[in-house]
Amino acid sequence: MKTYKSLILALLIFFISACNLSSLKWDLPKFAVVETLTPDNILNVSAHSGGNISNDGGSPVQNRGVCYATKTNPTIADSTLACGNGTGTFDANLQSLTSATTYYLKAFATTSAGTAYGNEVVFTTLSLATLSTTAVSSVTLYTATSGGSISNAGGASITERGICYNTSKNPTVANVVIKSGSGPGDFSVTLSGLAANTTYYIRAYAINVIGTSYGNEVSFTTASLPTLTTAAANQVTQTSARCGGDVLNQGSSSVTQRGVCYDTKSNPTIDNILVASGTGGGAFTVSLTDLTPGTTYYARAYATNASGIVYGNEVTFVTNPVLVPTVSTTSVSSILTMTAISGGNVTNDGGGAVVSRGVCYSTSHSPTLLSDFVESGSGTGSFGANIAGLNPGTTYYVKAFATNSAGTAYGNEVSFVTAPLLKIGLSYQGGVIFYLDGTNQHGMLAAPSDQSGGATWGCSGTSIPGSTLSAIGAGLSNTTAIVTDCATAGIAAKLCFDLVSGGYSDWYLPSSEELNLMYSNLKLQNLGGFSNSNYWSSTESTASNSFMQSFQNGSVVSGVKSVAYHVRAIRTF
């Protein structure tokens, strides 16, 4: 019974105690119930979140909002954003965040019971993409290749990527842009339509929701052709000229060929005629050959490097036209009654082949090919021409001629008089004819007057070898022998040998038979103006005597060499 009472007492005490504790709990303040909303609209420096206070714990919510930090379990001791009071859902627009940063965030609500926190959420702010610009390659005159590599999209989708470039530094998408798709990773583009020999600045770019980011800046210079000028043509002839150029700058690579191209049409290229002239920079000159006379040519210097070929300024020149030849007339010689010899010398063909040359002649001044003429081959150089069928004793005028494609040129005019019909006693070639041979074209002439009225033969007492010939035609050899071996001044043979008369200097002392012909054909015909005196011959008879002839009675005797007699020179023709 005692045990039962004790048990009942214990249960009663427990029940009373339990009722008192429960009453105490219901009287204590309660914390609000808070839920943190998942962040959205996350950008580089802002994000949207908030919370929901579903129960204020029995006392009013005095303050609510979010707290956040870059470490876990943020509290209101960290960064906070107050969002009013009361229960229910509220928004929190976070600003001034740091891009590319992970944040830890909780909603909170403060009541008299204290501050309650919602669940912790984590978000990372976005950033611009991170990328680099690819080195430029495959650079030509007008194109190049570049691109970029996007290593970090910044937490957002890359909606556009590519390269931008300009001739000024720090290009942007406001300059020239070449797009290359979207998304992260590597990409490559080709730049075209560039200007040669120009420096460009280039940056890769990428666009995400945050904005446009750029890679590092790289620069490059497009390739360039050589720079050169064309030299004016010089030394122009009918068929050749000199031309050239000057490579002032080899461009972006070495000049591998240079020269001159030319044509009869404007703007010649290497597809026309060209003459190469080595490699590298500097001035050069070439010869243009096989040109056509009287023709306009167009020429341009050219130079080639790895980037291509370039031409200098165009120059023009005109080759010299074909001119008529240059020809001179040779003096007339061997003049006879009906024939003579002339000729000429073609010293310049005028740039065209001489197809005909010769002499033309007439009894009037200025003969041409419309007069009589004699052809004598072709080409340049000296030539002779035999003129025949002339009239005796007639004055003729002669000109050499030469003909090429430009026409006929004439040399200087010369004149001559044909020999008259020869006869004894005729004045001719500086003397008086006293002998004619069988051709009636050749013979002997006596000087028109005596060379002395009293001269010794010379070297009396001395035999002169080779002076004893008496025949017709022997007088010259006799005279030569005498003047060679007899040094006595003023002797008959020497007077004749030294004589220059009528333009002739081949006079000599006649042999005895030649002297007799003068007597018979002239003196006896009262021709030649001879004296009735004794005349020396060149024919020696002894060491002390030589033959002389009386022009009074015609006797031929051996006279003493030391005696002075008349002297009359003769010559042959």
Protein backbone atom coordinates (compact mmCIF):
# COMPACT_ATOMS: atom_id res chain seq x y z
CA MET A 1 0.00 0.00 0.00
CA LYS A 2 2.93 2.25 0.82
CA THR A 3 4.52 1.48 -2.54
CA TYR A 4 1.33 2.28 -4.37
CA LYS A 5 1.05 5.67 -2.61
CA SER A 6 4.59 6.55 -3.43
CA LEU A 7 3.98 5.76 -7.06
CA ILE A 8 0.89 7.89 -7.18
CA LEU A 9 2.73 10.74 -5.48
CA ALA A 10 5.56 10.57 -8.00
CA LEU A 11 3.19 10.63 -10.95
CA LEU A 12 1.41 13.63 -9.48
CA ILE A 13 4.65 15.54 -9.04
CA PHE A 14 5.70 14.69 -12.63
CA PHE A 15 2.39 15.84 -14.05
CA ILE A 16 2.49 19.12 -12.11
CA SER A 17 6.08 19.73 -13.27
CA ALA A 18 5.24 18.95 -16.86
CA CYS A 19 2.36 21.38 -16.86
CA ASN A 20 4.52 24.18 -15.48
CA LEU A 21 7.32 23.65 -18.13
CA SER A 22 4.83 23.62 -21.01
CA SER A 23 3.38 26.82 -19.82
CA LEU A 24 6.84 28.33 -19.66
CA LYS A 25 7.69 27.29 -23.28
CA TRP A 26 4.66 28.86 -24.80
CA ASP A 27 5.49 32.06 -23.12
CA LEU A 28 9.10 32.37 -24.69
CA PRO A 29 9.59 34.57 -28.03
CA LYS A 30 9.95 32.58 -31.26
CA PHE A 31 12.34 33.30 -34.34
CA ALA A 32 10.85 34.01 -37.73
CA VAL A 33 10.91 31.34 -40.43
CA VAL A 34 12.94 32.55 -43.44
CA GLU A 35 13.67 31.08 -46.90
CA THR A 36 16.40 32.45 -49.21
CA LEU A 37 15.41 32.83 -52.86
CA THR A 38 17.70 31.44 -55.55
CA PRO A 39 19.64 34.32 -57.20
CA ASP A 40 18.87 35.22 -60.80
CA ASN A 41 19.71 38.00 -63.25
CA ILE A 42 23.28 37.53 -62.23
CA LEU A 43 25.58 39.99 -64.00
CA ASN A 44 29.13 41.16 -63.42
CA VAL A 45 28.38 43.63 -60.61
CA SER A 46 24.76 42.86 -59.77
CA ALA A 47 22.38 40.05 -59.06
CA HIS A 48 18.78 39.56 -57.96
CA SER A 49 17.73 37.48 -55.00
CA GLY A 50 15.48 37.93 -51.94
CA GLY A 51 13.62 35.89 -49.41
CA ASN A 52 10.30 34.71 -48.10
CA ILE A 53 9.28 35.09 -44.42
CA SER A 54 6.62 32.52 -43.96
CA ASN A 55 6.22 33.00 -40.11
CA ASP A 56 7.22 35.88 -37.95
CA GLY A 57 7.49 33.66 -34.86
CA GLY A 58 4.76 35.46 -33.06
CA SER A 59 6.32 38.89 -33.08
CA PRO A 60 6.56 41.49 -35.82
CA VAL A 61 9.49 41.38 -38.28
CA GLN A 62 11.31 44.55 -37.63
CA ASN A 63 13.96 44.20 -40.40
CA ARG A 64 14.46 41.87 -43.28
CA GLY A 65 16.87 41.53 -46.20
CA VAL A 66 19.85 39.57 -47.36
CA CYS A 67 23.41 39.32 -46.14
CA TYR A 68 26.26 38.16 -48.28
CA ALA A 69 30.01 37.65 -48.30
CA THR A 70 32.73 35.96 -50.28
CA LYS A 71 33.00 33.36 -47.50
CA THR A 72 30.48 30.81 -46.34
CA ASN A 73 27.82 31.47 -43.63
CA PRO A 74 27.39 35.20 -44.03
CA THR A 75 25.62 37.11 -41.29
CA ILE A 76 24.36 40.62 -40.81
CA ALA A 77 27.87 41.41 -39.67
CA ASP A 78 28.86 41.09 -43.34
CA SER A 79 27.43 43.03 -46.27
CA THR A 80 23.67 43.41 -46.03
CA LEU A 81 20.87 44.77 -48.10
CA ALA A 82 17.77 45.76 -46.08
CA CYS A 83 14.49 45.07 -47.72
CA GLY A 84 11.83 46.54 -45.39
CA ASN A 85 9.89 44.63 -42.72
CA GLY A 86 6.98 42.30 -42.31
CA THR A 87 6.43 38.84 -43.59
CA GLY A 88 6.05 37.53 -47.11
CA THR A 89 8.30 37.54 -50.13
CA PHE A 90 10.73 40.36 -50.78
CA ASP A 91 13.25 41.21 -53.54
CA ALA A 92 16.85 42.13 -53.11
CA ASN A 93 18.77 43.75 -56.00
CA LEU A 94 22.45 43.50 -55.16
CA GLN A 95 24.72 46.14 -56.68
CA SER A 96 28.38 47.04 -56.69
CA LEU A 97 29.47 43.45 -56.67
CA THR A 98 32.84 42.35 -57.91
CA SER A 99 32.85 40.59 -61.27
CA ALA A 100 33.93 37.00 -61.55
CA THR A 101 33.50 36.51 -57.80
CA THR A 102 31.72 33.76 -55.84
CA TYR A 103 29.30 35.05 -53.25
CA TYR A 104 27.50 33.28 -50.36
CA LEU A 105 24.06 34.73 -49.55
CA LYS A 106 21.29 34.27 -46.94
CA ALA A 107 17.98 36.00 -46.44
CA PHE A 108 17.41 37.22 -42.88
CA ALA A 109 14.56 38.46 -40.70
CA THR A 110 14.90 40.21 -37.32
CA THR A 111 12.22 40.09 -34.65
CA SER A 112 12.22 40.58 -30.91
CA ALA A 113 13.37 37.02 -30.69
CA GLY A 114 16.47 37.88 -32.73
CA THR A 115 17.68 37.41 -36.30
CA ALA A 116 16.77 34.34 -38.21
CA TYR A 117 18.57 33.28 -41.41
CA GLY A 118 17.35 31.44 -44.40
CA ASN A 119 19.19 28.76 -46.24
CA GLU A 120 22.60 29.70 -47.78
CA VAL A 121 22.78 30.04 -51.56
CA VAL A 122 25.91 30.46 -53.68
CA PHE A 123 26.33 32.40 -56.97
CA THR A 124 29.21 33.74 -59.02
CA THR A 125 29.08 37.08 -60.78
CA LEU A 126 29.76 37.18 -64.46
CA SER A 127 32.72 38.86 -66.26
CA LEU A 128 33.91 39.87 -69.69
CA ALA A 129 35.45 37.06 -71.66
CA THR A 130 39.17 36.48 -71.40
CA LEU A 131 40.90 36.03 -74.75
CA SER A 132 44.14 36.55 -76.65
CA THR A 133 44.86 37.67 -80.20
CA THR A 134 46.62 35.25 -82.51
CA ALA A 135 49.85 36.36 -84.14
CA VAL A 136 49.32 37.50 -87.72
CA SER A 137 50.52 35.15 -90.48
CA SER A 138 50.31 34.66 -94.25
CA VAL A 139 50.78 38.37 -94.86
CA THR A 140 50.54 39.40 -98.51
CA LEU A 141 50.00 42.67 -100.31
CA TYR A 142 46.31 42.80 -99.53
CA THR A 143 45.53 39.94 -97.12
CA ALA A 144 46.61 38.44 -93.81
CA THR A 145 45.46 35.75 -91.36
CA SER A 146 44.81 36.21 -87.63
CA GLY A 147 42.24 35.20 -85.02
CA GLY A 148 41.94 34.66 -81.31
CA SER A 149 41.60 32.20 -78.46
CA ILE A 150 38.84 32.62 -75.84
CA SER A 151 40.14 30.99 -72.67
CA ASN A 152 37.26 32.10 -70.40
CA ALA A 153 33.75 33.02 -71.48
CA GLY A 154 33.24 35.04 -68.28
CA GLY A 155 30.52 32.73 -67.04
CA ALA A 156 28.20 33.68 -69.89
CA SER A 157 27.62 32.62 -73.46
CA ILE A 158 29.83 34.16 -76.15
CA THR A 159 27.32 35.52 -78.62
CA GLU A 160 29.85 36.95 -81.06
CA ARG A 161 33.57 36.80 -81.63
CA GLY A 162 36.05 37.89 -84.26
CA ILE A 163 38.77 40.44 -84.87
CA CYS A 164 38.72 44.19 -85.28
CA TYR A 165 41.49 46.19 -86.94
CA ASN A 166 42.47 49.67 -87.97
CA THR A 167 45.49 51.67 -89.09
CA SER A 168 45.47 53.33 -85.67
CA LYS A 169 46.22 51.68 -82.36
CA ASN A 170 43.60 50.14 -80.06
CA PRO A 171 41.02 49.15 -82.65
CA THR A 172 37.50 48.38 -81.45
CA VAL A 173 34.35 46.94 -82.94
CA ALA A 174 33.60 50.47 -84.06
CA ASN A 175 36.36 49.98 -86.62
CA VAL A 176 36.59 47.22 -89.22
CA VAL A 177 35.29 43.92 -87.88
CA ILE A 178 35.47 40.36 -89.19
CA LYS A 179 33.12 38.03 -87.28
CA SER A 180 33.93 34.40 -86.60
CA GLY A 181 30.92 32.71 -85.02
CA SER A 182 30.24 32.38 -81.28
CA GLY A 183 31.30 30.38 -78.25
CA PRO A 184 34.66 29.94 -76.57
CA GLY A 185 37.82 28.38 -78.00
CA ASP A 186 40.10 29.20 -80.91
CA PHE A 187 39.10 30.86 -84.15
CA SER A 188 40.83 32.17 -87.27
CA VAL A 189 39.86 34.75 -89.89
CA THR A 190 41.30 36.13 -93.11
CA LEU A 191 41.65 39.86 -93.54
CA SER A 192 41.24 41.00 -97.13
CA GLY A 193 41.01 44.23 -99.04
CA LEU A 194 43.99 45.64 -97.18
CA ALA A 195 46.27 48.32 -98.53
CA ALA A 196 49.77 47.33 -99.53
CA ASN A 197 52.72 48.50 -97.45
CA THR A 198 50.45 49.62 -94.61
CA THR A 199 50.75 48.99 -90.87
CA TYR A 200 47.60 47.62 -89.23
CA TYR A 201 46.69 47.12 -85.56
CA ILE A 202 44.49 44.17 -84.70
CA ARG A 203 42.68 42.78 -81.64
CA ALA A 204 40.51 39.74 -81.16
CA TYR A 205 37.16 40.48 -79.50
CA ALA A 206 34.41 38.50 -77.80
CA ILE A 207 30.93 39.62 -76.76
CA ASN A 208 28.89 38.16 -73.94
CA VAL A 209 26.02 39.58 -71.92
CA ILE A 210 28.42 41.72 -69.95
CA GLY A 211 29.89 43.39 -73.01
CA THR A 212 32.80 43.32 -75.41
CA SER A 213 36.28 42.28 -74.34
CA TYR A 214 39.46 42.52 -76.39
CA GLY A 215 42.59 40.50 -76.67
CA ASN A 216 46.09 41.84 -76.77
CA GLU A 217 46.95 44.17 -79.65
CA VAL A 218 49.23 42.90 -82.40
CA SER A 219 50.45 44.81 -85.41
CA PHE A 220 51.67 43.86 -88.85
CA THR A 221 52.60 45.55 -92.09
CA THR A 222 51.26 44.31 -95.37
CA ALA A 223 53.73 43.26 -97.99
CA SER A 224 54.97 45.80 -100.49
CA LEU A 225 56.13 45.75 -104.07
CA PRO A 226 59.38 47.40 -105.09
CA THR A 227 59.45 51.10 -105.87
CA LEU A 228 61.18 52.07 -109.09
CA THR A 229 61.39 54.63 -111.85
CA THR A 230 62.02 54.30 -115.56
CA ALA A 231 64.94 56.21 -117.04
CA ALA A 232 64.49 58.21 -120.23
CA ALA A 233 65.70 56.46 -123.36
CA ASN A 234 68.96 57.67 -124.88
CA GLN A 235 71.46 56.77 -127.58
CA VAL A 236 68.51 56.23 -129.90
CA THR A 237 69.35 55.08 -133.42
CA GLN A 238 67.28 53.59 -136.19
CA THR A 239 67.42 50.11 -134.66
CA SER A 240 68.53 50.47 -131.05
CA ALA A 241 68.28 52.52 -127.88
CA ARG A 242 69.45 52.51 -124.27
CA CYS A 243 66.96 52.53 -121.42
CA GLY A 244 66.81 51.40 -117.80
CA GLY A 245 65.48 52.16 -114.36
CA ASP A 246 66.27 52.65 -110.72
CA VAL A 247 64.94 50.34 -107.99
CA LEU A 248 64.58 52.87 -105.17
CA ASN A 249 63.16 50.35 -102.68
CA GLN A 250 63.03 46.58 -102.99
CA GLY A 251 59.79 46.38 -101.00
CA SER A 252 59.06 43.70 -98.40
CA SER A 253 61.39 41.16 -100.03
CA SER A 254 64.41 41.13 -102.30
CA VAL A 255 64.05 41.93 -105.99
CA THR A 256 64.63 38.70 -107.85
CA GLN A 257 64.38 40.12 -111.37
CA ARG A 258 64.42 43.55 -112.93
CA GLY A 259 64.70 45.00 -116.40
CA VAL A 260 62.82 46.89 -119.10
CA CYS A 261 59.79 45.80 -121.11
CA TYR A 262 58.77 47.62 -124.26
CA ASP A 263 56.33 47.54 -127.14
CA THR A 264 54.87 49.70 -129.87
CA LYS A 265 51.71 50.01 -127.76
CA SER A 266 51.26 51.86 -124.49
CA ASN A 267 51.62 50.17 -121.09
CA PRO A 268 53.99 47.34 -122.03
CA THR A 269 54.32 44.40 -119.63
CA ILE A 270 56.65 41.43 -119.34
CA ASP A 271 54.27 39.65 -121.70
CA ASN A 272 55.70 41.92 -124.40
CA ILE A 273 59.39 42.25 -125.19
CA LEU A 274 61.62 42.41 -122.15
CA VAL A 275 65.32 42.74 -121.43
CA ALA A 276 66.30 41.53 -117.95
CA SER A 277 69.04 43.21 -115.94
CA GLY A 278 69.95 41.26 -112.82
CA THR A 279 68.50 41.48 -109.31
CA GLY A 280 68.43 43.75 -106.29
CA GLY A 281 68.09 47.49 -105.91
CA GLY A 282 69.79 50.42 -107.57
CA ALA A 283 70.08 51.78 -111.09
CA PHE A 284 70.46 49.63 -114.18
CA THR A 285 70.65 50.10 -117.95
CA VAL A 286 69.86 47.76 -120.84
CA SER A 287 70.17 47.87 -124.62
CA LEU A 288 67.05 47.60 -126.72
CA THR A 289 67.94 46.13 -130.11
CA ASP A 290 66.36 45.02 -133.37
CA LEU A 291 64.04 48.01 -133.33
CA THR A 292 62.21 49.28 -136.39
CA PRO A 293 63.37 52.65 -137.77
CA GLY A 294 61.02 55.60 -137.46
CA THR A 295 58.80 53.86 -134.88
CA THR A 296 57.37 55.04 -131.55
CA TYR A 297 58.14 52.71 -128.66
CA TYR A 298 56.79 52.62 -125.11
CA ALA A 299 59.02 51.34 -122.33
CA ARG A 300 58.67 50.67 -118.59
CA ALA A 301 61.16 49.42 -116.06
CA TYR A 302 59.92 46.45 -114.03
CA ALA A 303 60.96 44.71 -110.81
CA THR A 304 59.73 41.48 -109.23
CA ASN A 305 59.84 40.37 -105.60
CA ALA A 306 57.96 37.67 -103.68
CA SER A 307 54.84 39.83 -103.60
CA GLY A 308 54.61 40.30 -107.36
CA ILE A 309 55.70 42.55 -110.17
CA VAL A 310 55.57 46.32 -110.39
CA TYR A 311 56.25 48.72 -113.25
CA GLY A 312 57.87 52.12 -113.34
CA ASN A 313 56.58 55.15 -115.15
CA GLU A 314 56.17 54.84 -118.90
CA VAL A 315 58.61 56.57 -121.24
CA THR A 316 58.37 56.90 -124.99
CA PHE A 317 60.94 57.34 -127.71
CA VAL A 318 60.98 57.31 -131.48
CA THR A 319 63.69 55.47 -133.35
CA ASN A 320 65.47 57.47 -135.98
CA PRO A 321 63.98 57.18 -139.44
CA VAL A 322 65.92 55.69 -142.33
CA LEU A 323 67.78 58.51 -144.04
CA VAL A 324 69.20 58.58 -147.50
CA PRO A 325 72.80 57.36 -147.57
CA THR A 326 75.84 59.59 -147.31
CA VAL A 327 78.01 59.34 -150.41
CA SER A 328 80.91 61.26 -151.92
CA THR A 329 82.12 61.33 -155.50
CA THR A 330 85.61 60.19 -156.43
CA SER A 331 87.74 62.39 -158.67
CA VAL A 332 87.64 61.33 -162.29
CA SER A 333 90.77 59.60 -163.61
CA SER A 334 92.00 57.79 -166.71
CA ILE A 335 90.20 60.31 -168.89
CA LEU A 336 90.36 59.42 -172.59
CA THR A 337 88.41 60.54 -175.58
CA MET A 338 85.43 58.27 -174.90
CA THR A 339 86.04 56.78 -171.45
CA ALA A 340 86.88 57.79 -167.91
CA ILE A 341 86.93 56.24 -164.46
CA SER A 342 85.06 57.69 -161.47
CA GLY A 343 83.29 56.20 -158.47
CA GLY A 344 82.36 57.08 -154.92
CA ASN A 345 82.39 56.16 -151.27
CA VAL A 346 79.21 55.35 -149.30
CA THR A 347 80.21 56.32 -145.78
CA ASN A 348 76.79 55.86 -144.15
CA ASP A 349 73.84 53.76 -145.25
CA GLY A 350 71.35 56.06 -143.46
CA GLY A 351 70.00 53.18 -141.42
CA GLY A 352 68.80 51.20 -144.42
CA ALA A 353 70.56 48.79 -146.73
CA VAL A 354 72.09 50.41 -149.80
CA VAL A 355 70.56 48.42 -152.64
CA SER A 356 72.17 50.31 -155.51
CA ARG A 357 75.13 52.62 -156.00
CA GLY A 358 77.14 54.02 -158.88
CA VAL A 359 77.68 57.26 -160.77
CA CYS A 360 75.40 59.35 -162.93
CA TYR A 361 76.77 61.80 -165.46
CA SER A 362 75.66 64.40 -167.93
CA THR A 363 76.93 67.25 -170.06
CA SER A 364 74.77 69.49 -167.81
CA HIS A 365 75.20 70.32 -164.17
CA SER A 366 73.52 68.24 -161.41
CA PRO A 367 73.15 64.87 -163.10
CA THR A 368 70.67 62.40 -161.54
CA LEU A 369 69.44 58.91 -162.27
CA LEU A 370 67.29 60.51 -164.93
CA SER A 371 70.57 61.17 -166.72
CA ASP A 372 73.02 58.51 -167.81
CA PHE A 373 74.34 56.36 -164.99
CA VAL A 374 76.54 53.38 -164.28
CA GLU A 375 75.68 51.02 -161.40
CA SER A 376 78.42 49.56 -159.24
CA GLY A 377 77.01 47.03 -156.79
CA SER A 378 75.42 47.71 -153.39
CA GLY A 379 76.34 48.34 -149.78
CA THR A 380 78.67 50.81 -148.18
CA GLY A 381 82.31 51.56 -148.86
CA SER A 382 84.33 52.71 -151.84
CA PHE A 383 83.52 51.69 -155.38
CA GLY A 384 84.66 52.47 -158.89
CA ALA A 385 82.72 52.97 -162.08
CA ASN A 386 83.89 52.84 -165.68
CA ILE A 387 82.17 55.47 -167.77
CA ALA A 388 82.10 54.72 -171.50
CA GLY A 389 80.45 56.00 -174.68
CA LEU A 390 81.57 59.59 -174.05
CA ASN A 391 82.13 62.24 -176.67
CA PRO A 392 85.69 63.45 -177.25
CA GLY A 393 86.60 66.88 -176.06
CA THR A 394 83.41 67.28 -174.04
CA THR A 395 82.82 68.55 -170.50
CA TYR A 396 80.95 66.10 -168.29
CA TYR A 397 79.51 66.46 -164.78
CA VAL A 398 79.53 63.44 -162.51
CA LYS A 399 77.89 62.56 -159.18
CA ALA A 400 78.10 59.32 -157.24
CA PHE A 401 74.73 58.01 -156.04
CA ALA A 402 73.49 55.52 -153.43
CA THR A 403 69.92 54.28 -152.96
CA ASN A 404 68.19 52.78 -149.90
CA SER A 405 64.56 52.56 -148.77
CA ALA A 406 64.53 56.27 -147.95
CA GLY A 407 65.56 57.28 -151.45
CA THR A 408 68.62 58.19 -153.47
CA ALA A 409 71.41 60.42 -152.29
CA TYR A 410 74.00 62.07 -154.50
CA GLY A 411 77.59 62.93 -153.81
CA ASN A 412 79.42 66.10 -154.65
CA GLU A 413 79.60 67.06 -158.29
CA VAL A 414 82.89 66.75 -160.16
CA SER A 415 83.56 67.59 -163.76
CA PHE A 416 86.03 66.49 -166.37
CA VAL A 417 86.71 67.02 -170.03
CA THR A 418 87.22 64.04 -172.30
CA ALA A 419 90.31 64.05 -174.40
CA PRO A 420 89.86 65.49 -177.82
CA LEU A 421 90.50 63.40 -180.90
CA LEU A 422 94.25 63.20 -180.55
CA LYS A 423 96.59 64.28 -183.33
CA ILE A 424 100.13 65.45 -183.76
CA GLY A 425 100.63 69.05 -182.70
CA LEU A 426 97.56 69.10 -180.39
CA SER A 427 98.08 70.73 -177.01
CA TYR A 428 97.19 68.07 -174.46
CA GLN A 429 97.96 67.24 -170.83
CA GLY A 430 100.48 70.01 -170.38
CA GLY A 431 102.36 69.58 -173.65
CA VAL A 432 102.23 69.23 -177.43
CA ILE A 433 101.63 65.79 -178.96
CA PHE A 434 104.49 64.68 -181.18
CA TYR A 435 103.88 60.92 -181.16
CA LEU A 436 100.80 58.61 -181.04
CA ASP A 437 100.85 54.83 -180.72
CA GLY A 438 98.59 52.43 -182.58
CA THR A 439 95.62 53.03 -180.26
CA ASN A 440 95.73 56.73 -181.03
CA GLN A 441 95.06 57.16 -177.28
CA HIS A 442 98.62 57.16 -175.99
CA GLY A 443 101.85 58.77 -177.07
CA MET A 444 104.36 61.45 -176.18
CA LEU A 445 104.20 65.16 -175.47
CA ALA A 446 106.85 67.83 -175.76
CA ALA A 447 106.95 70.55 -173.14
CA PRO A 448 105.45 73.75 -174.58
CA SER A 449 108.80 75.56 -174.36
CA ASP A 450 112.52 74.93 -173.88
CA GLN A 451 113.79 74.24 -170.38
CA SER A 452 117.11 75.85 -171.24
CA GLY A 453 118.76 77.72 -174.08
CA GLY A 454 122.16 76.39 -173.06
CA ALA A 455 122.85 73.52 -170.70
CA THR A 456 125.61 70.90 -170.72
CA TRP A 457 124.88 67.19 -170.83
CA GLY A 458 127.14 66.73 -167.80
CA CYS A 459 129.83 64.40 -166.45
CA SER A 460 132.13 64.71 -169.45
CA GLY A 461 134.69 61.91 -169.48
CA THR A 462 132.50 59.66 -167.37
CA SER A 463 130.38 56.88 -168.79
CA ILE A 464 126.85 56.69 -167.31
CA PRO A 465 125.64 53.10 -167.21
CA GLY A 466 122.13 52.63 -168.64
CA SER A 467 122.10 55.88 -170.59
CA THR A 468 123.04 54.60 -174.06
CA LEU A 469 119.54 53.55 -175.22
CA SER A 470 118.23 55.35 -178.28
CA ALA A 471 114.84 53.73 -179.00
CA ILE A 472 111.44 55.33 -178.63
CA GLY A 473 110.42 54.85 -174.99
CA ALA A 474 114.02 54.75 -173.70
CA GLY A 475 114.30 58.41 -172.69
CA LEU A 476 112.89 57.93 -169.18
CA SER A 477 115.32 55.17 -168.21
CA ASN A 478 118.24 57.12 -169.73
CA THR A 479 117.26 60.22 -167.72
CA THR A 480 116.89 58.25 -164.50
CA ALA A 481 120.34 56.74 -164.97
CA ILE A 482 121.91 60.14 -165.65
CA VAL A 483 120.47 61.96 -162.63
CA THR A 484 121.37 59.00 -160.45
CA ASP A 485 125.03 58.83 -161.41
CA CYS A 486 125.82 62.42 -162.40
CA ALA A 487 125.59 64.97 -159.67
CA THR A 488 126.50 67.99 -161.78
CA ALA A 489 124.01 70.75 -161.18
CA GLY A 490 122.00 72.31 -164.03
CA ILE A 491 122.64 69.52 -166.58
CA ALA A 492 120.05 68.83 -169.27
CA ALA A 493 118.69 65.59 -167.80
CA LYS A 494 118.30 67.13 -164.34
CA LEU A 495 116.41 70.14 -165.75
CA CYS A 496 113.90 67.80 -167.33
CA PHE A 497 113.69 65.40 -164.38
CA ASP A 498 112.86 68.22 -161.95
CA LEU A 499 110.37 69.94 -164.22
CA VAL A 500 106.77 70.44 -163.02
CA SER A 501 104.67 71.86 -165.83
CA GLY A 502 101.01 71.75 -166.76
CA GLY A 503 100.28 69.91 -163.50
CA TYR A 504 102.63 67.07 -164.40
CA SER A 505 105.99 66.14 -162.90
CA ASP A 506 106.96 63.06 -164.94
CA TRP A 507 109.06 64.87 -167.53
CA TYR A 508 112.38 63.55 -168.83
CA LEU A 509 115.10 64.18 -171.46
CA PRO A 510 114.20 62.41 -174.77
CA SER A 511 116.27 59.59 -176.23
CA SER A 512 117.88 60.27 -179.61
CA GLU A 513 115.01 58.69 -181.56
CA GLU A 514 112.39 60.49 -179.43
CA LEU A 515 114.26 63.76 -180.08
CA ASN A 516 114.19 63.04 -183.81
CA LEU A 517 110.40 62.47 -183.67
CA MET A 518 109.99 65.92 -182.11
CA TYR A 519 112.04 67.39 -184.93
CA SER A 520 110.13 65.57 -187.66
CA ASN A 521 106.58 65.91 -186.29
CA LEU A 522 106.76 69.32 -184.68
CA LYS A 523 109.73 71.44 -185.79
CA LEU A 524 109.32 70.65 -189.44
CA GLN A 525 105.59 71.45 -189.09
CA ASN A 526 106.40 74.76 -187.42
CA LEU A 527 104.86 73.46 -184.21
CA GLY A 528 106.16 73.52 -180.65
CA GLY A 529 108.09 76.78 -180.78
CA PHE A 530 111.51 75.19 -181.24
CA SER A 531 114.70 77.21 -181.91
CA ASN A 532 116.92 76.62 -184.93
CA SER A 533 119.54 75.31 -182.55
CA ASN A 534 121.05 72.05 -181.35
CA TYR A 535 119.10 70.04 -178.72
CA TRP A 536 120.45 67.41 -176.35
CA SER A 537 119.15 63.82 -176.25
CA SER A 538 119.59 61.53 -173.25
CA THR A 539 121.47 58.92 -175.29
CA GLU A 540 125.17 58.73 -174.45
CA SER A 541 127.62 57.83 -177.25
CA THR A 542 130.96 57.81 -175.38
CA ALA A 543 132.30 58.83 -172.03
CA SER A 544 132.81 62.34 -173.36
CA ASN A 545 130.05 62.60 -175.95
CA SER A 546 126.28 62.20 -176.25
CA PHE A 547 123.93 62.48 -179.19
CA MET A 548 122.40 65.81 -180.05
CA GLN A 549 120.30 66.94 -183.01
CA SER A 550 120.30 70.12 -185.04
CA PHE A 551 116.81 71.56 -185.25
CA GLN A 552 118.03 73.69 -188.13
CA ASN A 553 118.94 70.92 -190.57
CA GLY A 554 117.93 67.76 -188.69
CA SER A 555 121.40 66.24 -188.48
CA VAL A 556 122.11 63.93 -185.54
CA VAL A 557 125.69 64.04 -184.29
CA SER A 558 127.72 63.09 -181.24
CA GLY A 559 128.31 66.27 -179.30
CA VAL A 560 130.77 66.96 -176.54
CA LYS A 561 129.04 66.68 -173.17
CA SER A 562 130.58 69.87 -171.88
CA VAL A 563 129.09 72.00 -174.65
CA ALA A 564 125.88 73.86 -173.84
CA TYR A 565 122.86 73.12 -176.07
CA HIS A 566 119.09 73.67 -175.88
CA VAL A 567 116.95 71.37 -173.76
CA ARG A 568 113.30 70.31 -174.33
CA ALA A 569 111.58 67.85 -171.92
CA ILE A 570 109.01 65.27 -172.90
CA ARG A 571 106.54 62.94 -171.12
CA THR A 572 104.38 60.02 -172.10
CA PHE A 573 100.62 59.78 -171.76
